[in-house]
C-alpha atoms as a PDB file:
ATOM      1  CA  UNK A   1     -11.280  33.858  27.853  1.00  0.00           C
ATOM      2  CA  UNK A   2      -9.827  30.418  28.500  1.00  0.00           C
ATOM      3  CA  UNK A   3     -13.325  28.900  28.540  1.00  0.00           C
ATOM      4  CA  UNK A   4     -14.138  30.496  25.181  1.00  0.00           C
ATOM      5  CA  UNK A   5     -10.919  29.060  23.738  1.00  0.00           C
ATOM      6  CA  UNK A   6     -11.738  25.564  25.005  1.00  0.00           C
ATOM      7  CA  UNK A   7     -15.330  25.763  23.800  1.00  0.00           C
ATOM      8  CA  UNK A   8     -14.162  26.691  20.320  1.00  0.00           C
ATOM      9  CA  UNK A   9     -11.158  24.402  19.841  1.00  0.00           C
ATOM     10  CA  UNK A  10     -11.987  21.399  21.991  1.00  0.00           C
ATOM     11  CA  UNK A  11     -15.485  20.499  20.934  1.00  0.00           C
ATOM     12  CA  UNK A  12     -16.209  16.904  21.763  1.00  0.00           C
ATOM     13  CA  UNK A  13     -17.439  14.940  18.771  1.00  0.00           C
ATOM     14  CA  UNK A  14     -20.488  12.851  19.600  1.00  0.00           C
ATOM     15  CA  UNK A  15     -19.766   9.136  19.562  1.00  0.00           C
ATOM     16  CA  UNK A  16     -21.120   7.081  16.724  1.00  0.00           C
ATOM     17  CA  UNK A  17     -23.168   4.101  17.807  1.00  0.00           C
ATOM     18  CA  UNK A  18     -23.855   0.843  16.033  1.00  0.00           C
ATOM     19  CA  UNK A  19     -27.421   2.100  15.570  1.00  0.00           C
ATOM     20  CA  UNK A  20     -26.130   5.155  13.701  1.00  0.00           C
ATOM     21  CA  UNK A  21     -24.205   2.948  11.298  1.00  0.00           C
ATOM     22  CA  UNK A  22     -27.092   0.529  10.851  1.00  0.00           C
ATOM     23  CA  UNK A  23     -29.525   3.388  10.138  1.00  0.00           C
ATOM     24  CA  UNK A  24     -27.336   4.908   7.428  1.00  0.00           C
ATOM     25  CA  UNK A  25     -28.995   4.464   4.041  1.00  0.00           C
ATOM     26  CA  UNK A  26     -27.982   5.314   0.502  1.00  0.00           C
ATOM     27  CA  UNK A  27     -29.926   8.261  -0.934  1.00  0.00           C
ATOM     28  CA  UNK A  28     -31.853   7.641  -4.160  1.00  0.00           C
ATOM     29  CA  UNK A  29     -29.657   9.892  -6.296  1.00  0.00           C
ATOM     30  CA  UNK A  30     -26.405   9.084  -4.455  1.00  0.00           C
ATOM     31  CA  UNK A  31     -23.770   7.047  -6.323  1.00  0.00           C
ATOM     32  CA  UNK A  32     -22.657   3.872  -4.549  1.00  0.00           C
ATOM     33  CA  UNK A  33     -19.089   5.157  -4.196  1.00  0.00           C
ATOM     34  CA  UNK A  34     -20.307   8.316  -2.429  1.00  0.00           C
ATOM     35  CA  UNK A  35     -22.391   6.244  -0.022  1.00  0.00           C
ATOM     36  CA  UNK A  36     -19.432   3.977   0.744  1.00  0.00           C
ATOM     37  CA  UNK A  37     -17.238   7.008   1.385  1.00  0.00           C
ATOM     38  CA  UNK A  38     -19.861   8.510   3.712  1.00  0.00           C
ATOM     39  CA  UNK A  39     -20.210   5.175   5.538  1.00  0.00           C
ATOM     40  CA  UNK A  40     -16.431   4.863   5.959  1.00  0.00           C
ATOM     41  CA  UNK A  41     -16.143   8.413   7.337  1.00  0.00           C
ATOM     42  CA  UNK A  42     -18.811   7.691   9.915  1.00  0.00           C
ATOM     43  CA  UNK A  43     -17.240   4.305  10.699  1.00  0.00           C
ATOM     44  CA  UNK A  44     -13.948   6.023  11.557  1.00  0.00           C
ATOM     45  CA  UNK A  45     -15.724   7.710  14.489  1.00  0.00           C
ATOM     46  CA  UNK A  46     -16.898   4.332  15.822  1.00  0.00           C
ATOM     47  CA  UNK A  47     -14.616   3.114  18.612  1.00  0.00           C
ATOM     48  CA  UNK A  48     -15.824  -0.426  19.318  1.00  0.00           C
ATOM     49  CA  UNK A  49     -13.875  -3.214  17.643  1.00  0.00           C
ATOM     50  CA  UNK A  50     -16.065  -5.178  15.251  1.00  0.00           C
ATOM     51  CA  UNK A  51     -14.969  -7.493  12.477  1.00  0.00           C
ATOM     52  CA  UNK A  52     -14.930  -5.924   9.024  1.00  0.00           C
ATOM     53  CA  UNK A  53     -17.448  -8.451   7.706  1.00  0.00           C
ATOM     54  CA  UNK A  54     -20.089  -7.043  10.066  1.00  0.00           C
ATOM     55  CA  UNK A  55     -19.550  -3.545   8.691  1.00  0.00           C
ATOM     56  CA  UNK A  56     -19.886  -4.908   5.168  1.00  0.00           C
ATOM     57  CA  UNK A  57     -23.199  -6.546   6.055  1.00  0.00           C
ATOM     58  CA  UNK A  58     -24.464  -3.223   7.465  1.00  0.00           C
ATOM     59  CA  UNK A  59     -23.458  -1.231   4.398  1.00  0.00           C
END
């Protein structure tokens, strides 16, 4: 039962890589603000320190 509890509540989120962020593209019918929000949410899961200007260039 303990293993079931851990499997359910302690799922490890996959790490986001720089490739994941670089591959993120805006959908044709997606407003710019929605794309920026989606990019920022994914960026929050990225753990390597990079200057903000590099993220801006990617987006």
